[in-house]
Amino acid sequence: MTRSRRASPSAQTSTLLSICPVACGIPTAAPGSPNRHVPSPLGLPWTDRVEEAVRRIARQTGESAFFSVKRGNETVCLLREDGNFPIRSHVLYEGVRFPLGAASAGLAILAHLSERERETYLAERTLTHAYGAEHAPGPLRERIAETRRSGFALNPGQIVEGIWGMASAVFDGSGDPRWALSINGIEARFPEARRAAIVNALSAQWARFVAGTVLDART
C-alpha cells in the first residue's frame, strides 16, 4: 500500500477557503454533544488550522477527508485531503455542490436546521429524481432522525453505490449548522465496528484545532 503525498493547496482551494464565512473567526468548543462544533469570531487566522484538522483526519482514518460549507440549500466542498488508503472516491472534490440531504455533509447540516427550516426545505425540494427513492421525504426524515440521535450523518452508498461517507456538522456562534467535516471511501472501510473510531477522529482533530487556537489567543 502506498501513501499519497499531500500536494500544496490549489489556487481553487485557497479561493474557496478565502470566501468561507468563517474567515473572520475560528471554531471553538460547544457545550453538549462531543460531535457538535461551533465557530466564534475571535478574529484569528484560521485557514491553516482548518487544513491541518482535515489533514489529520485523513491521516488518522486513511480515508479522504473534507470541509464543506452551507450555501443556501446546498453544500459546497471547500477542502479535500486524501489519506493513505490506495482506493479512493472522487464523488466529492473541491468546488462540487450537493443539495442538503444528499451526501453525508448535506445530511449532517440538514438534520440540525430548525424544524421549520427543515420541513420547509423538504416540502419544496425534491431529491428523488436526481438521487433515487432513498431521498424521498419519508426515508430522508428517518435518516435525519438517526443523525440527530447519533450526532453524525451516514451515507451508505446512496450517491454512488459502494461509496460511503460520514459527517459531523459544524455550528456558528448562533448554533446554526453552517459547515461540516466529513470523510468518504469504499464500503468495506465503514463496518459498524469502525464507525465510532471515525466519529472520534472527526471530533478529536477538531478539538485539537480548537485547543491550538485557544493557546494562540493566550500568547
N, C-alpha and C. Protein backbone atom coordinates (compact mmCIF):
# COMPACT_ATOMS: atom_id res chain seq x y z
N MET A 1 0.84 -1.18 0.00
CA MET A 1 0.00 0.00 0.00
C MET A 1 0.89 1.24 0.00
N THR A 2 0.64 2.17 -0.89
CA THR A 2 1.45 3.37 -0.96
C THR A 2 0.73 4.53 -0.32
N ARG A 3 1.52 5.42 0.25
CA ARG A 3 0.95 6.57 0.92
C ARG A 3 0.94 7.75 -0.03
N SER A 4 -0.21 8.42 -0.14
CA SER A 4 -0.30 9.56 -1.03
C SER A 4 0.45 10.74 -0.44
N ARG A 5 1.07 11.53 -1.30
CA ARG A 5 1.75 12.72 -0.84
C ARG A 5 0.82 13.91 -0.95
N ARG A 6 0.87 14.77 0.03
CA ARG A 6 -0.02 15.92 0.04
C ARG A 6 0.54 16.99 -0.86
N ALA A 7 -0.26 17.40 -1.82
CA ALA A 7 0.15 18.48 -2.69
C ALA A 7 -0.12 19.82 -2.02
N SER A 8 0.54 20.87 -2.50
CA SER A 8 0.25 22.20 -1.99
C SER A 8 -1.17 22.57 -2.34
N PRO A 9 -1.86 23.37 -1.48
CA PRO A 9 -3.24 23.73 -1.77
C PRO A 9 -3.34 24.39 -3.14
N SER A 10 -4.33 23.98 -3.90
CA SER A 10 -4.52 24.55 -5.23
C SER A 10 -5.04 25.97 -5.13
N ALA A 11 -4.94 26.70 -6.24
CA ALA A 11 -5.48 28.06 -6.26
C ALA A 11 -6.97 28.03 -5.98
N GLN A 12 -7.66 26.98 -6.51
CA GLN A 12 -9.09 26.87 -6.27
C GLN A 12 -9.38 26.67 -4.80
N THR A 13 -8.57 25.81 -4.14
CA THR A 13 -8.77 25.57 -2.72
C THR A 13 -8.59 26.84 -1.93
N SER A 14 -7.52 27.60 -2.22
CA SER A 14 -7.25 28.82 -1.49
C SER A 14 -8.38 29.82 -1.68
N THR A 15 -8.90 29.91 -2.91
CA THR A 15 -10.00 30.83 -3.16
C THR A 15 -11.25 30.40 -2.42
N LEU A 16 -11.57 29.10 -2.48
CA LEU A 16 -12.76 28.61 -1.80
C LEU A 16 -12.67 28.85 -0.30
N LEU A 17 -11.50 28.60 0.28
CA LEU A 17 -11.33 28.83 1.71
C LEU A 17 -11.44 30.30 2.05
N SER A 18 -10.94 31.17 1.17
CA SER A 18 -10.93 32.59 1.48
C SER A 18 -12.32 33.19 1.49
N ILE A 19 -13.28 32.58 0.77
CA ILE A 19 -14.62 33.14 0.75
C ILE A 19 -15.53 32.51 1.79
N CYS A 20 -15.01 31.52 2.54
CA CYS A 20 -15.81 30.89 3.58
C CYS A 20 -16.18 31.91 4.64
N PRO A 21 -17.44 31.97 5.11
CA PRO A 21 -17.85 32.98 6.08
C PRO A 21 -17.17 32.87 7.42
N VAL A 22 -16.43 31.79 7.68
CA VAL A 22 -15.70 31.69 8.94
C VAL A 22 -14.37 32.43 8.86
N ALA A 23 -14.10 33.12 7.76
CA ALA A 23 -12.81 33.78 7.56
C ALA A 23 -12.50 34.80 8.64
N CYS A 24 -13.52 35.33 9.28
CA CYS A 24 -13.29 36.30 10.36
C CYS A 24 -13.38 35.66 11.72
N GLY A 25 -13.41 34.34 11.78
CA GLY A 25 -13.49 33.66 13.07
C GLY A 25 -12.98 32.25 12.95
N ILE A 26 -12.96 31.54 14.07
CA ILE A 26 -12.47 30.18 14.10
C ILE A 26 -13.33 29.36 15.02
N PRO A 27 -13.33 28.03 14.90
CA PRO A 27 -14.18 27.20 15.73
C PRO A 27 -13.72 27.13 17.17
N THR A 28 -14.67 27.11 18.08
CA THR A 28 -14.40 26.86 19.48
C THR A 28 -15.34 25.77 19.96
N ALA A 29 -15.02 25.14 21.06
CA ALA A 29 -15.80 24.01 21.53
C ALA A 29 -17.20 24.44 21.93
N ALA A 30 -18.17 23.59 21.66
CA ALA A 30 -19.55 23.86 22.04
C ALA A 30 -19.96 22.95 23.18
N PRO A 31 -20.87 23.41 24.03
CA PRO A 31 -21.36 22.53 25.08
C PRO A 31 -22.23 21.43 24.50
N GLY A 32 -22.39 20.36 25.26
CA GLY A 32 -23.29 19.30 24.82
C GLY A 32 -22.56 18.20 24.09
N SER A 33 -23.10 17.82 22.94
CA SER A 33 -22.58 16.68 22.19
C SER A 33 -21.11 16.85 21.85
N PRO A 34 -20.30 15.79 22.00
CA PRO A 34 -18.90 15.88 21.60
C PRO A 34 -18.72 16.01 20.10
N ASN A 35 -19.80 15.76 19.34
CA ASN A 35 -19.73 15.88 17.89
C ASN A 35 -20.29 17.21 17.40
N ARG A 36 -20.54 18.12 18.33
CA ARG A 36 -21.12 19.41 17.97
C ARG A 36 -20.02 20.47 18.08
N HIS A 37 -19.73 21.16 16.99
CA HIS A 37 -18.62 22.10 16.95
C HIS A 37 -19.14 23.48 16.55
N VAL A 38 -18.63 24.53 17.19
CA VAL A 38 -19.13 25.88 16.97
C VAL A 38 -18.00 26.86 16.68
N PRO A 39 -18.05 27.61 15.56
CA PRO A 39 -17.09 28.68 15.36
C PRO A 39 -17.51 29.94 16.11
N SER A 40 -16.52 30.74 16.53
CA SER A 40 -16.81 32.03 17.14
C SER A 40 -15.84 33.06 16.62
N PRO A 41 -16.24 34.34 16.56
CA PRO A 41 -15.44 35.37 15.92
C PRO A 41 -14.29 35.86 16.79
N LEU A 42 -13.18 35.12 16.84
CA LEU A 42 -12.02 35.54 17.61
C LEU A 42 -11.08 36.40 16.77
N GLY A 43 -11.33 36.47 15.47
CA GLY A 43 -10.51 37.31 14.62
C GLY A 43 -9.11 36.78 14.40
N LEU A 44 -8.89 35.49 14.52
CA LEU A 44 -7.57 34.89 14.35
C LEU A 44 -7.49 34.18 13.01
N PRO A 45 -6.28 34.03 12.45
CA PRO A 45 -6.14 33.27 11.20
C PRO A 45 -6.69 31.86 11.40
N TRP A 46 -7.34 31.34 10.39
CA TRP A 46 -7.99 30.04 10.56
C TRP A 46 -7.69 29.04 9.45
N THR A 47 -7.30 29.54 8.26
CA THR A 47 -7.18 28.65 7.11
C THR A 47 -6.20 27.52 7.36
N ASP A 48 -5.01 27.84 7.89
CA ASP A 48 -4.02 26.79 8.14
C ASP A 48 -4.54 25.76 9.13
N ARG A 49 -5.31 26.22 10.11
CA ARG A 49 -5.83 25.30 11.13
C ARG A 49 -6.90 24.38 10.55
N VAL A 50 -7.74 24.90 9.68
CA VAL A 50 -8.73 24.05 9.02
C VAL A 50 -8.02 22.99 8.19
N GLU A 51 -7.03 23.42 7.42
CA GLU A 51 -6.29 22.46 6.60
C GLU A 51 -5.62 21.40 7.46
N GLU A 52 -5.05 21.82 8.58
CA GLU A 52 -4.37 20.86 9.46
C GLU A 52 -5.37 19.88 10.06
N ALA A 53 -6.54 20.37 10.49
CA ALA A 53 -7.55 19.48 11.07
C ALA A 53 -8.00 18.44 10.05
N VAL A 54 -8.27 18.88 8.82
CA VAL A 54 -8.71 17.96 7.77
C VAL A 54 -7.60 16.98 7.42
N ARG A 55 -6.37 17.47 7.37
CA ARG A 55 -5.24 16.59 7.05
C ARG A 55 -5.06 15.51 8.12
N ARG A 56 -5.20 15.88 9.38
CA ARG A 56 -5.05 14.91 10.46
C ARG A 56 -6.15 13.85 10.42
N ILE A 57 -7.36 14.27 10.08
CA ILE A 57 -8.46 13.30 9.96
C ILE A 57 -8.13 12.29 8.86
N ALA A 58 -7.63 12.79 7.73
CA ALA A 58 -7.27 11.90 6.62
C ALA A 58 -6.16 10.94 7.04
N ARG A 59 -5.17 11.45 7.75
CA ARG A 59 -4.06 10.59 8.17
C ARG A 59 -4.52 9.55 9.19
N GLN A 60 -5.37 9.97 10.12
CA GLN A 60 -5.79 9.06 11.18
C GLN A 60 -6.68 7.95 10.65
N THR A 61 -7.58 8.28 9.72
CA THR A 61 -8.53 7.29 9.21
C THR A 61 -8.05 6.58 7.96
N GLY A 62 -7.15 7.21 7.21
CA GLY A 62 -6.72 6.66 5.93
C GLY A 62 -7.65 6.99 4.78
N GLU A 63 -8.78 7.64 5.08
CA GLU A 63 -9.77 7.96 4.05
C GLU A 63 -9.58 9.39 3.53
N SER A 64 -10.40 9.78 2.57
CA SER A 64 -10.43 11.16 2.11
C SER A 64 -11.29 11.97 3.06
N ALA A 65 -10.77 13.12 3.51
CA ALA A 65 -11.47 13.98 4.47
C ALA A 65 -11.81 15.31 3.80
N PHE A 66 -12.90 15.94 4.28
CA PHE A 66 -13.43 17.13 3.61
C PHE A 66 -13.94 18.16 4.61
N PHE A 67 -13.92 19.42 4.18
CA PHE A 67 -14.55 20.51 4.91
C PHE A 67 -15.49 21.20 3.94
N SER A 68 -16.78 21.28 4.29
CA SER A 68 -17.80 21.84 3.39
C SER A 68 -18.55 22.96 4.07
N VAL A 69 -19.13 23.85 3.28
CA VAL A 69 -19.88 25.00 3.79
C VAL A 69 -21.30 24.97 3.23
N LYS A 70 -22.26 25.44 4.01
CA LYS A 70 -23.64 25.57 3.54
C LYS A 70 -23.77 26.85 2.73
N ARG A 71 -24.31 26.73 1.53
CA ARG A 71 -24.59 27.88 0.68
C ARG A 71 -26.04 27.77 0.23
N GLY A 72 -26.93 28.55 0.83
CA GLY A 72 -28.34 28.44 0.51
C GLY A 72 -28.84 27.05 0.87
N ASN A 73 -29.40 26.35 -0.10
CA ASN A 73 -29.90 24.99 0.12
C ASN A 73 -28.93 23.93 -0.39
N GLU A 74 -27.66 24.28 -0.48
CA GLU A 74 -26.64 23.35 -0.94
C GLU A 74 -25.44 23.34 0.00
N THR A 75 -24.59 22.34 -0.17
CA THR A 75 -23.27 22.37 0.45
C THR A 75 -22.23 22.48 -0.67
N VAL A 76 -21.15 23.17 -0.37
CA VAL A 76 -20.03 23.31 -1.29
C VAL A 76 -18.78 22.77 -0.60
N CYS A 77 -18.09 21.85 -1.24
CA CYS A 77 -16.84 21.32 -0.68
C CYS A 77 -15.74 22.37 -0.83
N LEU A 78 -15.13 22.76 0.30
CA LEU A 78 -14.06 23.76 0.28
C LEU A 78 -12.68 23.13 0.28
N LEU A 79 -12.56 21.96 0.88
CA LEU A 79 -11.23 21.38 1.06
C LEU A 79 -11.30 19.87 1.06
N ARG A 80 -10.36 19.24 0.38
CA ARG A 80 -10.25 17.78 0.36
C ARG A 80 -8.82 17.39 0.70
N GLU A 81 -8.68 16.35 1.49
CA GLU A 81 -7.36 15.80 1.83
C GLU A 81 -7.45 14.28 1.77
N ASP A 82 -6.62 13.64 0.97
CA ASP A 82 -6.65 12.19 0.82
C ASP A 82 -5.75 11.51 1.85
N GLY A 83 -6.25 10.41 2.42
CA GLY A 83 -5.46 9.60 3.33
C GLY A 83 -4.60 8.61 2.56
N ASN A 84 -4.05 7.63 3.28
CA ASN A 84 -3.10 6.71 2.65
C ASN A 84 -3.73 5.44 2.09
N PHE A 85 -5.05 5.25 2.27
CA PHE A 85 -5.67 4.07 1.68
C PHE A 85 -5.68 4.23 0.17
N PRO A 86 -5.21 3.23 -0.59
CA PRO A 86 -4.97 3.44 -2.02
C PRO A 86 -6.22 3.51 -2.89
N ILE A 87 -7.37 3.05 -2.39
CA ILE A 87 -8.60 3.12 -3.18
C ILE A 87 -9.42 4.28 -2.64
N ARG A 88 -9.73 5.23 -3.50
CA ARG A 88 -10.49 6.39 -3.04
C ARG A 88 -11.51 6.81 -4.08
N SER A 89 -12.49 7.57 -3.61
CA SER A 89 -13.57 8.05 -4.47
C SER A 89 -13.34 9.50 -4.85
N HIS A 90 -13.87 9.88 -6.01
CA HIS A 90 -13.80 11.28 -6.43
C HIS A 90 -15.21 11.85 -6.59
N VAL A 91 -16.15 11.29 -5.83
CA VAL A 91 -17.51 11.83 -5.84
C VAL A 91 -17.51 13.24 -5.26
N LEU A 92 -16.72 13.45 -4.21
CA LEU A 92 -16.65 14.74 -3.54
C LEU A 92 -15.27 15.34 -3.79
N TYR A 93 -15.26 16.58 -4.26
CA TYR A 93 -14.00 17.27 -4.54
C TYR A 93 -14.21 18.77 -4.37
N GLU A 94 -13.14 19.51 -4.33
CA GLU A 94 -13.22 20.94 -4.07
C GLU A 94 -14.07 21.64 -5.12
N GLY A 95 -15.09 22.34 -4.66
CA GLY A 95 -15.97 23.08 -5.55
C GLY A 95 -17.27 22.37 -5.89
N VAL A 96 -17.37 21.07 -5.66
CA VAL A 96 -18.59 20.35 -6.01
C VAL A 96 -19.71 20.72 -5.05
N ARG A 97 -20.93 20.76 -5.58
CA ARG A 97 -22.12 21.13 -4.80
C ARG A 97 -23.09 19.95 -4.73
N PHE A 98 -23.73 19.82 -3.59
CA PHE A 98 -24.82 18.87 -3.42
C PHE A 98 -25.96 19.56 -2.68
N PRO A 99 -27.21 19.21 -2.99
CA PRO A 99 -28.32 19.75 -2.21
C PRO A 99 -28.28 19.20 -0.79
N LEU A 100 -28.82 19.97 0.15
CA LEU A 100 -28.92 19.50 1.53
C LEU A 100 -29.68 18.18 1.55
N GLY A 101 -29.19 17.23 2.33
CA GLY A 101 -29.82 15.92 2.41
C GLY A 101 -29.18 14.89 1.52
N ALA A 102 -28.39 15.34 0.53
CA ALA A 102 -27.65 14.43 -0.33
C ALA A 102 -26.20 14.46 0.10
N ALA A 103 -25.59 13.29 0.22
CA ALA A 103 -24.22 13.14 0.74
C ALA A 103 -24.22 13.41 2.24
N SER A 104 -23.21 12.91 2.92
CA SER A 104 -23.21 12.96 4.38
C SER A 104 -23.11 14.38 4.93
N ALA A 105 -22.32 15.26 4.29
CA ALA A 105 -22.19 16.63 4.78
C ALA A 105 -23.54 17.35 4.74
N GLY A 106 -24.25 17.22 3.62
CA GLY A 106 -25.55 17.87 3.49
C GLY A 106 -26.59 17.30 4.44
N LEU A 107 -26.49 16.00 4.72
CA LEU A 107 -27.42 15.39 5.68
C LEU A 107 -27.12 15.88 7.09
N ALA A 108 -25.84 15.99 7.44
CA ALA A 108 -25.47 16.47 8.78
C ALA A 108 -25.99 17.88 9.01
N ILE A 109 -25.87 18.73 8.01
CA ILE A 109 -26.34 20.11 8.14
C ILE A 109 -27.86 20.15 8.18
N LEU A 110 -28.52 19.47 7.24
CA LEU A 110 -29.98 19.47 7.20
C LEU A 110 -30.59 18.98 8.50
N ALA A 111 -30.00 17.96 9.09
CA ALA A 111 -30.54 17.37 10.31
C ALA A 111 -30.56 18.35 11.47
N HIS A 112 -29.66 19.33 11.45
CA HIS A 112 -29.55 20.25 12.58
C HIS A 112 -30.12 21.64 12.29
N LEU A 113 -30.79 21.81 11.15
CA LEU A 113 -31.56 23.02 10.93
C LEU A 113 -32.75 23.03 11.88
N SER A 114 -33.35 24.20 12.07
CA SER A 114 -34.57 24.24 12.88
C SER A 114 -35.64 23.40 12.20
N GLU A 115 -36.59 22.92 12.98
CA GLU A 115 -37.65 22.08 12.41
C GLU A 115 -38.40 22.82 11.30
N ARG A 116 -38.64 24.10 11.49
CA ARG A 116 -39.36 24.88 10.49
C ARG A 116 -38.57 24.96 9.18
N GLU A 117 -37.27 25.26 9.28
CA GLU A 117 -36.43 25.33 8.08
C GLU A 117 -36.37 23.98 7.39
N ARG A 118 -36.23 22.95 8.19
CA ARG A 118 -36.08 21.60 7.64
C ARG A 118 -37.35 21.17 6.90
N GLU A 119 -38.50 21.37 7.52
CA GLU A 119 -39.75 20.95 6.91
C GLU A 119 -40.08 21.78 5.68
N THR A 120 -39.75 23.07 5.71
CA THR A 120 -39.95 23.91 4.52
C THR A 120 -39.11 23.40 3.36
N TYR A 121 -37.87 23.07 3.66
CA TYR A 121 -36.98 22.55 2.63
C TYR A 121 -37.50 21.23 2.06
N LEU A 122 -37.91 20.32 2.93
CA LEU A 122 -38.40 19.02 2.46
C LEU A 122 -39.68 19.16 1.64
N ALA A 123 -40.49 20.15 1.96
CA ALA A 123 -41.73 20.36 1.21
C ALA A 123 -41.47 20.97 -0.16
N GLU A 124 -40.40 21.75 -0.28
CA GLU A 124 -40.16 22.49 -1.51
C GLU A 124 -39.15 21.83 -2.44
N ARG A 125 -38.31 20.96 -1.91
CA ARG A 125 -37.22 20.40 -2.71
C ARG A 125 -37.44 18.90 -2.93
N THR A 126 -37.36 18.46 -4.17
CA THR A 126 -37.49 17.04 -4.50
C THR A 126 -36.13 16.50 -4.92
N LEU A 127 -35.66 15.49 -4.19
CA LEU A 127 -34.35 14.91 -4.47
C LEU A 127 -34.44 13.56 -5.18
N THR A 128 -35.65 13.00 -5.25
CA THR A 128 -35.77 11.63 -5.76
C THR A 128 -35.38 11.50 -7.23
N HIS A 129 -35.68 12.50 -8.04
CA HIS A 129 -35.37 12.40 -9.47
C HIS A 129 -33.87 12.27 -9.70
N ALA A 130 -33.09 13.02 -8.95
CA ALA A 130 -31.64 13.01 -9.14
C ALA A 130 -30.92 11.95 -8.32
N TYR A 131 -31.49 11.60 -7.14
CA TYR A 131 -30.75 10.77 -6.20
C TYR A 131 -31.46 9.49 -5.78
N GLY A 132 -32.67 9.24 -6.29
CA GLY A 132 -33.33 7.98 -6.03
C GLY A 132 -34.32 8.00 -4.87
N ALA A 133 -35.03 6.87 -4.74
CA ALA A 133 -36.12 6.76 -3.76
C ALA A 133 -35.64 6.91 -2.32
N GLU A 134 -34.36 6.63 -2.05
CA GLU A 134 -33.84 6.77 -0.69
C GLU A 134 -33.87 8.22 -0.22
N HIS A 135 -34.02 9.15 -1.17
CA HIS A 135 -34.04 10.56 -0.83
C HIS A 135 -35.45 11.16 -0.87
N ALA A 136 -36.46 10.29 -0.90
CA ALA A 136 -37.84 10.76 -0.74
C ALA A 136 -38.01 11.29 0.68
N PRO A 137 -39.00 12.16 0.92
CA PRO A 137 -39.15 12.77 2.25
C PRO A 137 -39.22 11.77 3.39
N GLY A 138 -39.92 10.64 3.21
CA GLY A 138 -40.05 9.67 4.30
C GLY A 138 -38.71 9.07 4.72
N PRO A 139 -38.00 8.41 3.80
CA PRO A 139 -36.69 7.86 4.16
C PRO A 139 -35.70 8.92 4.62
N LEU A 140 -35.78 10.10 4.02
CA LEU A 140 -34.87 11.17 4.41
C LEU A 140 -35.14 11.62 5.84
N ARG A 141 -36.41 11.70 6.21
CA ARG A 141 -36.74 12.06 7.60
C ARG A 141 -36.21 11.01 8.58
N GLU A 142 -36.26 9.75 8.20
CA GLU A 142 -35.72 8.70 9.07
C GLU A 142 -34.22 8.88 9.27
N ARG A 143 -33.49 9.22 8.20
CA ARG A 143 -32.05 9.42 8.34
C ARG A 143 -31.74 10.70 9.11
N ILE A 144 -32.59 11.70 8.96
CA ILE A 144 -32.43 12.93 9.74
C ILE A 144 -32.57 12.62 11.23
N ALA A 145 -33.59 11.85 11.57
CA ALA A 145 -33.81 11.49 12.98
C ALA A 145 -32.63 10.70 13.53
N GLU A 146 -32.10 9.77 12.74
CA GLU A 146 -30.95 8.99 13.19
C GLU A 146 -29.71 9.87 13.34
N THR A 147 -29.54 10.81 12.44
CA THR A 147 -28.41 11.73 12.53
C THR A 147 -28.49 12.57 13.80
N ARG A 148 -29.67 13.03 14.12
CA ARG A 148 -29.84 13.83 15.34
C ARG A 148 -29.60 12.99 16.59
N ARG A 149 -30.00 11.71 16.53
CA ARG A 149 -29.77 10.83 17.69
C ARG A 149 -28.29 10.53 17.88
N SER A 150 -27.62 10.23 16.79
CA SER A 150 -26.23 9.75 16.89
C SER A 150 -25.20 10.88 16.91
N GLY A 151 -25.57 12.04 16.37
CA GLY A 151 -24.63 13.15 16.29
C GLY A 151 -23.79 13.16 15.03
N PHE A 152 -23.98 12.16 14.15
CA PHE A 152 -23.25 12.16 12.88
C PHE A 152 -24.15 11.62 11.78
N ALA A 153 -23.83 11.99 10.54
CA ALA A 153 -24.59 11.54 9.38
C ALA A 153 -23.86 10.41 8.68
N LEU A 154 -24.61 9.43 8.21
CA LEU A 154 -24.06 8.30 7.47
C LEU A 154 -24.70 8.24 6.09
N ASN A 155 -23.88 8.15 5.07
CA ASN A 155 -24.36 7.95 3.71
C ASN A 155 -23.89 6.58 3.23
N PRO A 156 -24.77 5.57 3.30
CA PRO A 156 -24.39 4.20 2.93
C PRO A 156 -24.51 3.95 1.43
N GLY A 157 -23.69 4.61 0.65
CA GLY A 157 -23.65 4.36 -0.79
C GLY A 157 -24.85 4.88 -1.54
N GLN A 158 -25.45 5.99 -1.10
CA GLN A 158 -26.68 6.46 -1.73
C GLN A 158 -26.45 7.50 -2.83
N ILE A 159 -25.22 7.95 -3.00
CA ILE A 159 -24.89 8.81 -4.14
C ILE A 159 -24.26 7.96 -5.24
N VAL A 160 -23.25 7.19 -4.87
CA VAL A 160 -22.62 6.22 -5.77
C VAL A 160 -22.55 4.90 -5.02
N GLU A 161 -23.08 3.86 -5.63
CA GLU A 161 -23.10 2.55 -4.96
C GLU A 161 -21.68 2.13 -4.57
N GLY A 162 -21.55 1.69 -3.32
CA GLY A 162 -20.26 1.22 -2.85
C GLY A 162 -19.38 2.28 -2.23
N ILE A 163 -19.78 3.55 -2.32
CA ILE A 163 -19.01 4.65 -1.73
C ILE A 163 -19.79 5.20 -0.54
N TRP A 164 -19.21 5.08 0.64
CA TRP A 164 -19.86 5.51 1.87
C TRP A 164 -19.23 6.79 2.39
N GLY A 165 -19.99 7.50 3.23
CA GLY A 165 -19.47 8.72 3.85
C GLY A 165 -20.05 8.92 5.23
N MET A 166 -19.31 9.66 6.06
CA MET A 166 -19.78 10.04 7.39
C MET A 166 -19.43 11.51 7.60
N ALA A 167 -20.28 12.23 8.33
CA ALA A 167 -20.05 13.66 8.53
C ALA A 167 -20.55 14.12 9.88
N SER A 168 -19.93 15.19 10.36
CA SER A 168 -20.33 15.85 11.59
C SER A 168 -20.53 17.33 11.28
N ALA A 169 -21.62 17.92 11.75
CA ALA A 169 -21.91 19.32 11.49
C ALA A 169 -21.03 20.24 12.33
N VAL A 170 -20.76 21.42 11.80
CA VAL A 170 -20.03 22.47 12.49
C VAL A 170 -20.96 23.68 12.56
N PHE A 171 -21.11 24.24 13.76
CA PHE A 171 -22.11 25.26 14.02
C PHE A 171 -21.50 26.65 14.16
N ASP A 172 -22.28 27.68 13.81
CA ASP A 172 -21.81 29.04 14.02
C ASP A 172 -22.14 29.50 15.43
N GLY A 173 -21.81 30.74 15.75
CA GLY A 173 -22.00 31.24 17.10
C GLY A 173 -23.44 31.30 17.55
N SER A 174 -24.38 31.25 16.59
CA SER A 174 -25.81 31.26 16.93
C SER A 174 -26.37 29.85 17.07
N GLY A 175 -25.51 28.85 16.87
CA GLY A 175 -25.97 27.47 16.97
C GLY A 175 -26.55 26.91 15.70
N ASP A 176 -26.36 27.62 14.58
CA ASP A 176 -26.86 27.15 13.29
C ASP A 176 -25.78 26.33 12.57
N PRO A 177 -26.17 25.23 11.93
CA PRO A 177 -25.18 24.41 11.20
C PRO A 177 -24.76 25.11 9.91
N ARG A 178 -23.51 25.48 9.82
CA ARG A 178 -23.02 26.22 8.65
C ARG A 178 -21.97 25.46 7.86
N TRP A 179 -21.32 24.48 8.50
CA TRP A 179 -20.22 23.76 7.87
C TRP A 179 -20.31 22.29 8.24
N ALA A 180 -19.47 21.48 7.65
CA ALA A 180 -19.42 20.06 8.00
C ALA A 180 -18.03 19.50 7.75
N LEU A 181 -17.62 18.62 8.63
CA LEU A 181 -16.43 17.79 8.44
C LEU A 181 -16.90 16.42 8.01
N SER A 182 -16.28 15.83 7.00
CA SER A 182 -16.74 14.52 6.54
C SER A 182 -15.58 13.71 5.99
N ILE A 183 -15.81 12.41 5.85
CA ILE A 183 -14.88 11.53 5.16
C ILE A 183 -15.69 10.61 4.26
N ASN A 184 -15.05 10.08 3.22
CA ASN A 184 -15.71 9.03 2.44
C ASN A 184 -14.69 8.03 1.91
N GLY A 185 -15.21 6.90 1.49
CA GLY A 185 -14.36 5.82 0.99
C GLY A 185 -15.22 4.64 0.58
N ILE A 186 -14.58 3.53 0.29
CA ILE A 186 -15.33 2.36 -0.16
C ILE A 186 -16.05 1.70 1.02
N GLU A 187 -17.13 1.00 0.71
CA GLU A 187 -18.00 0.41 1.73
C GLU A 187 -17.24 -0.45 2.73
N ALA A 188 -16.28 -1.23 2.25
CA ALA A 188 -15.55 -2.14 3.14
C ALA A 188 -14.81 -1.43 4.25
N ARG A 189 -14.60 -0.12 4.09
CA ARG A 189 -13.88 0.66 5.10
C ARG A 189 -14.80 1.23 6.18
N PHE A 190 -16.09 0.95 6.09
CA PHE A 190 -17.06 1.52 7.02
C PHE A 190 -17.88 0.47 7.75
N PRO A 191 -17.28 -0.60 8.26
CA PRO A 191 -18.06 -1.56 9.05
C PRO A 191 -18.55 -0.88 10.32
N GLU A 192 -19.62 -1.39 10.87
CA GLU A 192 -20.21 -0.75 12.06
C GLU A 192 -19.19 -0.64 13.19
N ALA A 193 -18.33 -1.64 13.33
CA ALA A 193 -17.35 -1.64 14.42
C ALA A 193 -16.35 -0.50 14.29
N ARG A 194 -16.16 0.03 13.09
CA ARG A 194 -15.17 1.09 12.88
C ARG A 194 -15.77 2.49 12.93
N ARG A 195 -17.09 2.60 12.86
CA ARG A 195 -17.70 3.92 12.72
C ARG A 195 -17.47 4.80 13.94
N ALA A 196 -17.46 4.21 15.12
CA ALA A 196 -17.21 5.01 16.33
C ALA A 196 -15.81 5.63 16.28
N ALA A 197 -14.84 4.88 15.78
CA ALA A 197 -13.48 5.41 15.66
C ALA A 197 -13.42 6.56 14.66
N ILE A 198 -14.21 6.45 13.60
CA ILE A 198 -14.25 7.52 12.61
C ILE A 198 -14.86 8.78 13.21
N VAL A 199 -15.97 8.62 13.94
CA VAL A 199 -16.59 9.77 14.60
C VAL A 199 -15.62 10.40 15.58
N ASN A 200 -14.91 9.57 16.33
CA ASN A 200 -13.92 10.08 17.28
C ASN A 200 -12.82 10.86 16.58
N ALA A 201 -12.43 10.41 15.40
CA ALA A 201 -11.40 11.12 14.64
C ALA A 201 -11.90 12.50 14.23
N LEU A 202 -13.14 12.57 13.75
CA LEU A 202 -13.70 13.86 13.38
C LEU A 202 -13.72 14.81 14.57
N SER A 203 -14.15 14.31 15.72
CA SER A 203 -14.27 15.14 16.91
C SER A 203 -12.90 15.50 17.50
N ALA A 204 -12.01 14.50 17.59
CA ALA A 204 -10.72 14.72 18.25
C ALA A 204 -9.86 15.71 17.49
N GLN A 205 -9.84 15.63 16.18
CA GLN A 205 -8.99 16.54 15.43
C GLN A 205 -9.55 17.96 15.43
N TRP A 206 -10.88 18.07 15.45
CA TRP A 206 -11.44 19.41 15.57
C TRP A 206 -11.18 19.98 16.96
N ALA A 207 -11.23 19.15 17.98
CA ALA A 207 -10.92 19.60 19.34
C ALA A 207 -9.46 20.04 19.42
N ARG A 208 -8.57 19.32 18.75
CA ARG A 208 -7.16 19.69 18.71
C ARG A 208 -6.99 21.06 18.05
N PHE A 209 -7.73 21.28 16.98
CA PHE A 209 -7.73 22.57 16.29
C PHE A 209 -8.16 23.67 17.24
N VAL A 210 -9.23 23.43 17.98
CA VAL A 210 -9.74 24.41 18.93
C VAL A 210 -8.72 24.69 20.02
N ALA A 211 -8.10 23.64 20.56
CA ALA A 211 -7.13 23.81 21.63
C ALA A 211 -5.94 24.65 21.17
N GLY A 212 -5.47 24.42 19.96
CA GLY A 212 -4.37 25.20 19.43
C GLY A 212 -4.74 26.65 19.28
N THR A 213 -5.98 26.90 18.89
CA THR A 213 -6.46 28.26 18.75
C THR A 213 -6.48 28.97 20.09
N VAL A 214 -6.96 28.27 21.12
CA VAL A 214 -7.03 28.87 22.44
C VAL A 214 -5.63 29.22 22.94
N LEU A 215 -4.66 28.33 22.71
CA LEU A 215 -3.29 28.60 23.12
C LEU A 215 -2.74 29.83 22.40
N ASP A 216 -3.01 29.94 21.10
CA ASP A 216 -2.54 31.10 20.35
C ASP A 216 -3.16 32.38 20.87
N ALA A 217 -4.43 32.31 21.24
CA ALA A 217 -5.14 33.50 21.70
C ALA A 217 -4.57 34.01 23.01
N ARG A 218 -3.96 33.10 23.79
CA ARG A 218 -3.44 33.48 25.10
C ARG A 218 -2.02 34.03 25.03
N THR A 219 -1.35 33.86 23.90
CA THR A 219 0.04 34.30 23.80
C THR A 219 0.13 35.71 23.25
